[in-house]
Amino acid sequence: MVELKNLRIVVDERERKSGIPDLLKAIGMNVEMKTLPIGDYIVASETIVERKSIRDLLTSIFDGRLFDQCNRLKENFEFPIVMMEGNVDEIEEIAENPLVFYGALSTVVIDFKIPIIPTPSAAHSAKLLLSMCSRKESPKGPFLKKIRKYDDLEKQQLSSLCSLPGVGEKFATRMLEKFGSPLNAFNASSSELAKVEGLGASRSKKIKKILESESKFLKKINQKKLHDM
C-alpha cells in the first residue's frame, strides 16, 4: 500500500474555503497549494479535476464558463475530470429547466469526453481525490505545466472564438495570431480559415455555415412582416 506522505496533490489556492485541502492534509497527504490557471486539483501529471458545487455548475452552464473551461482542460491535460459536489435534488429547486442542465452535462461527457463524477460532500470529494492519487498506474512526471495566462480582453476574444464549432483555446489562439482580431477571423473565408494550422477544410466550412446561416428566429420575423404587408 502506498504511504500517504508519498502521495502528492497540487491544489488551487481558491479551494482553501472548500475545506478539502485541510481534509487531505489531516490524513497525511502531501498537499501543495498553488494558483492554477485551470482546474482545481492535479492528482497526476496528466489528470486534473475541476470541482464544482451544484450551484456553481449551474451558474457556469448559464454564463457560458463551463464549455470554455472544458476546452482548456482538454487542451492541456490528457485526463480531465469534472467533480460535481452536492445534493443533486437541488437541481430541481434551482434550475428553471433541469433539461438544460442535463443537456450541458451530456455535452461535457459525450462531446468533450470528460467524465463527471458526483460526490455528496467535501469529505467524500477528499476521499475520491485520495483514491485518484493512490492509483499505482498513475504516470509520474511534472504536475505543473506552463499554461499561458491571458488578460481580460484576450480572454473575451478567445471566448468569442471558442464559441465556434470545434474551436478550443488552442485553435482560438492560432486564429487570433493569424487574423489579429475576432472580427477578422469571423469575416475570413472558409479557405482562409482552413489555413489555420490544424483547423482543416471540414471544420472551416462548419464555422462559415454557422456564421452565415440566417437564424430561424429572423426568418420568422421576416415571414411575419411579409404576411402583415
Protein backbone atom coordinates (compact mmCIF):
# COMPACT_ATOMS: atom_id res chain seq x y z
CA MET A 1 0.00 0.00 0.00
CA VAL A 2 1.25 3.49 -0.90
CA GLU A 3 2.15 5.64 2.13
CA LEU A 4 0.02 8.78 2.33
CA LYS A 5 3.06 11.01 2.86
CA ASN A 6 4.30 9.89 -0.57
CA LEU A 7 1.06 10.91 -2.26
CA ARG A 8 1.27 14.34 -3.88
CA ILE A 9 -1.58 16.58 -4.94
CA VAL A 10 -1.46 20.16 -6.29
CA VAL A 11 -4.42 22.27 -5.18
CA ASP A 12 -5.63 25.65 -6.41
CA GLU A 13 -5.46 28.39 -3.74
CA ARG A 14 -9.14 29.20 -4.24
CA GLU A 15 -10.07 25.74 -2.96
CA ARG A 16 -8.99 26.55 0.61
CA LYS A 17 -12.51 27.67 1.55
CA SER A 18 -13.96 24.31 0.42
CA GLY A 19 -12.27 22.59 3.37
CA ILE A 20 -10.94 19.82 1.14
CA PRO A 21 -7.23 20.80 1.35
CA ASP A 22 -7.41 20.64 5.17
CA LEU A 23 -9.08 17.23 5.00
CA LEU A 24 -6.30 15.94 2.71
CA LYS A 25 -3.60 17.37 4.99
CA ALA A 26 -5.29 15.85 8.05
CA ILE A 27 -4.91 12.34 6.65
CA GLY A 28 -1.24 12.93 5.91
CA MET A 29 -1.16 13.73 2.18
CA ASN A 30 1.48 15.97 0.63
CA VAL A 31 -0.65 18.98 -0.39
CA GLU A 32 0.90 21.76 -2.49
CA MET A 33 -1.14 24.95 -2.71
CA LYS A 34 -0.66 26.89 -5.99
CA THR A 35 -2.58 29.40 -8.10
CA LEU A 36 -3.66 27.20 -11.00
CA PRO A 37 -4.69 28.83 -14.30
CA ILE A 38 -7.13 25.98 -14.94
CA GLY A 39 -8.66 23.23 -12.80
CA ASP A 40 -8.68 22.78 -9.03
CA TYR A 41 -6.75 19.58 -8.25
CA ILE A 42 -3.87 17.99 -10.17
CA VAL A 43 -3.67 14.37 -8.98
CA ALA A 44 -1.19 13.09 -11.60
CA SER A 45 0.90 14.57 -14.40
CA GLU A 46 -1.99 14.27 -16.91
CA THR A 47 -5.00 14.09 -14.57
CA ILE A 48 -6.72 17.25 -13.39
CA VAL A 49 -10.01 17.68 -11.52
CA GLU A 50 -12.37 20.63 -11.83
CA ARG A 51 -14.56 20.66 -8.68
CA LYS A 52 -17.94 22.33 -8.92
CA SER A 53 -20.73 22.58 -6.40
CA ILE A 54 -24.20 22.05 -7.86
CA ARG A 55 -24.89 25.79 -7.75
CA ASP A 56 -21.55 26.72 -9.33
CA LEU A 57 -22.08 24.13 -12.04
CA LEU A 58 -25.49 25.60 -12.86
CA THR A 59 -24.07 29.13 -12.94
CA SER A 60 -21.18 28.09 -15.18
CA ILE A 61 -23.64 26.50 -17.62
CA PHE A 62 -25.77 29.60 -17.95
CA ASP A 63 -22.92 32.13 -18.12
CA GLY A 64 -21.00 30.05 -20.67
CA ARG A 65 -17.94 29.33 -18.50
CA LEU A 66 -18.36 25.56 -18.41
CA PHE A 67 -17.63 24.77 -22.05
CA ASP A 68 -14.76 27.25 -22.14
CA GLN A 69 -13.25 25.52 -19.09
CA CYS A 70 -13.75 22.11 -20.72
CA ASN A 71 -11.90 23.31 -23.81
CA ARG A 72 -8.94 24.46 -21.72
CA LEU A 73 -8.88 21.29 -19.63
CA LYS A 74 -8.86 19.06 -22.72
CA GLU A 75 -6.18 21.06 -24.48
CA ASN A 76 -3.76 20.95 -21.54
CA PHE A 77 -4.41 17.59 -19.83
CA GLU A 78 -4.98 14.11 -21.21
CA PHE A 79 -7.35 13.03 -18.43
CA PRO A 80 -9.54 15.90 -17.17
CA ILE A 81 -12.39 15.14 -14.76
CA VAL A 82 -15.32 17.22 -13.52
CA MET A 83 -16.32 16.55 -9.90
CA MET A 84 -19.93 17.54 -9.17
CA GLU A 85 -20.29 18.06 -5.42
CA GLY A 86 -23.56 18.37 -3.53
CA ASN A 87 -27.14 17.16 -3.38
CA VAL A 88 -28.44 16.61 -6.92
CA ASP A 89 -32.00 17.17 -5.68
CA GLU A 90 -31.06 20.88 -5.58
CA ILE A 91 -31.20 20.91 -9.37
CA GLU A 92 -34.99 20.74 -9.35
CA GLU A 93 -35.15 23.63 -6.87
CA ILE A 94 -32.60 25.91 -8.55
CA ALA A 95 -32.90 25.29 -12.29
CA GLU A 96 -35.97 26.58 -14.12
CA ASN A 97 -35.47 23.88 -16.75
CA PRO A 98 -33.45 20.86 -15.50
CA LEU A 99 -33.28 19.54 -19.06
CA VAL A 100 -30.92 22.42 -19.96
CA PHE A 101 -28.70 21.37 -17.06
CA TYR A 102 -28.65 17.71 -18.11
CA GLY A 103 -28.16 18.69 -21.74
CA ALA A 104 -25.00 20.58 -20.76
CA LEU A 105 -23.74 17.60 -18.75
CA SER A 106 -24.38 15.37 -21.77
CA THR A 107 -22.27 17.73 -23.90
CA VAL A 108 -19.40 17.55 -21.39
CA VAL A 109 -19.46 13.75 -21.31
CA ILE A 110 -20.22 12.97 -24.97
CA ASP A 111 -18.66 15.85 -26.93
CA PHE A 112 -15.74 16.74 -24.69
CA LYS A 113 -15.35 13.16 -23.42
CA ILE A 114 -14.80 14.41 -19.88
CA PRO A 115 -16.24 12.16 -17.14
CA ILE A 116 -18.43 13.75 -14.46
CA ILE A 117 -18.20 12.15 -11.01
CA PRO A 118 -20.79 13.14 -8.36
CA THR A 119 -19.90 13.40 -4.66
CA PRO A 120 -22.33 14.32 -1.88
CA SER A 121 -19.93 16.39 0.28
CA ALA A 122 -16.42 17.77 0.75
CA ALA A 123 -15.48 14.72 2.84
CA HIS A 124 -16.40 12.38 0.00
CA SER A 125 -14.66 14.63 -2.52
CA ALA A 126 -11.47 14.32 -0.46
CA LYS A 127 -11.79 10.52 -0.46
CA LEU A 128 -12.23 10.48 -4.23
CA LEU A 129 -9.14 12.66 -4.72
CA LEU A 130 -7.17 10.39 -2.39
CA SER A 131 -8.16 7.34 -4.41
CA MET A 132 -7.09 9.06 -7.64
CA CYS A 133 -3.69 9.97 -6.19
CA SER A 134 -3.08 6.46 -4.90
CA ARG A 135 -3.56 4.70 -8.24
CA LYS A 136 -0.42 2.60 -8.83
CA GLU A 137 -0.57 3.08 -12.58
CA SER A 138 -0.72 6.87 -12.35
CA PRO A 139 2.08 8.20 -14.59
CA LYS A 140 4.86 10.08 -12.84
CA GLY A 141 6.24 13.37 -14.02
CA PRO A 142 5.95 17.13 -13.54
CA PHE A 143 2.49 18.14 -12.35
CA LEU A 144 2.59 21.81 -13.21
CA LYS A 145 2.54 22.91 -16.84
CA LYS A 146 3.31 26.21 -18.47
CA ILE A 147 -0.24 27.26 -19.24
CA ARG A 148 -0.49 30.67 -20.80
CA LYS A 149 -2.35 33.33 -18.83
CA TYR A 150 -4.46 35.96 -20.60
CA ASP A 151 -5.60 39.46 -19.75
CA ASP A 152 -9.35 40.21 -19.60
CA LEU A 153 -9.59 41.49 -23.19
CA GLU A 154 -7.75 38.50 -24.60
CA LYS A 155 -9.91 36.15 -22.51
CA GLN A 156 -13.04 37.71 -24.03
CA GLN A 157 -11.58 37.49 -27.53
CA LEU A 158 -10.65 33.83 -27.08
CA SER A 159 -14.02 33.08 -25.51
CA SER A 160 -15.85 34.54 -28.52
CA LEU A 161 -13.79 32.36 -30.89
CA CYS A 162 -14.19 29.28 -28.66
CA SER A 163 -17.96 29.54 -29.16
CA LEU A 164 -17.43 28.38 -32.77
CA PRO A 165 -17.87 24.65 -33.52
CA GLY A 166 -14.72 22.60 -32.98
CA VAL A 167 -12.70 25.58 -31.75
CA GLY A 168 -10.94 25.32 -28.40
CA GLU A 169 -8.35 27.59 -26.83
CA LYS A 170 -5.54 26.20 -29.00
CA PHE A 171 -7.31 26.96 -32.30
CA ALA A 172 -8.71 30.25 -30.97
CA THR A 173 -5.17 31.37 -30.13
CA ARG A 174 -3.96 30.41 -33.61
CA MET A 175 -6.86 32.28 -35.20
CA LEU A 176 -6.05 35.43 -33.22
CA GLU A 177 -2.39 35.14 -34.19
CA LYS A 178 -3.29 34.75 -37.88
CA PHE A 179 -6.12 37.26 -38.24
CA GLY A 180 -5.31 39.77 -35.48
CA SER A 181 -8.85 40.11 -34.11
CA PRO A 182 -12.05 38.03 -33.71
CA LEU A 183 -13.81 40.26 -36.27
CA ASN A 184 -11.19 39.49 -38.92
CA ALA A 185 -11.50 35.79 -38.12
CA PHE A 186 -15.31 35.93 -38.41
CA ASN A 187 -15.02 37.70 -41.77
CA ALA A 188 -12.42 35.30 -43.16
CA SER A 189 -13.45 32.92 -45.95
CA SER A 190 -13.54 29.17 -45.35
CA SER A 191 -10.39 28.78 -47.45
CA GLU A 192 -8.60 31.38 -45.30
CA LEU A 193 -9.78 29.68 -42.11
CA ALA A 194 -8.57 26.32 -43.43
CA LYS A 195 -5.04 27.75 -43.48
CA VAL A 196 -5.05 27.98 -39.68
CA GLU A 197 -2.78 25.12 -38.58
CA GLY A 198 -4.84 22.02 -37.75
CA LEU A 199 -8.25 23.62 -38.35
CA GLY A 200 -8.87 21.90 -41.71
CA ALA A 201 -11.33 22.41 -44.54
CA SER A 202 -14.23 20.49 -42.97
CA ARG A 203 -14.18 22.42 -39.69
CA SER A 204 -13.72 25.71 -41.54
CA LYS A 205 -16.84 25.05 -43.64
CA LYS A 206 -18.87 24.29 -40.50
CA ILE A 207 -17.69 27.56 -38.95
CA LYS A 208 -18.71 29.58 -42.01
CA LYS A 209 -22.08 27.82 -42.14
CA ILE A 210 -22.76 28.84 -38.53
CA LEU A 211 -21.69 32.43 -39.17
CA GLU A 212 -23.52 32.90 -42.46
CA SER A 213 -26.78 31.00 -41.97
CA GLU A 214 -29.81 33.16 -41.28
CA SER A 215 -31.33 32.42 -37.89
CA LYS A 216 -34.71 30.71 -37.69
CA PHE A 217 -35.89 33.48 -35.39
CA LEU A 218 -35.04 36.14 -38.00
CA LYS A 219 -36.75 34.10 -40.72
CA LYS A 220 -39.94 34.01 -38.66
CA ILE A 221 -39.80 37.78 -38.17
CA ASN A 222 -39.29 38.37 -41.90
CA GLN A 223 -42.11 35.96 -42.79
CA LYS A 224 -44.41 37.76 -40.34
CA LYS A 225 -43.53 41.14 -41.90
CA LEU A 226 -44.33 39.81 -45.37
CA HIS A 227 -47.60 38.36 -44.12
CA ASP A 228 -48.61 41.67 -42.50
CA MET A 229 -47.86 43.73 -45.65
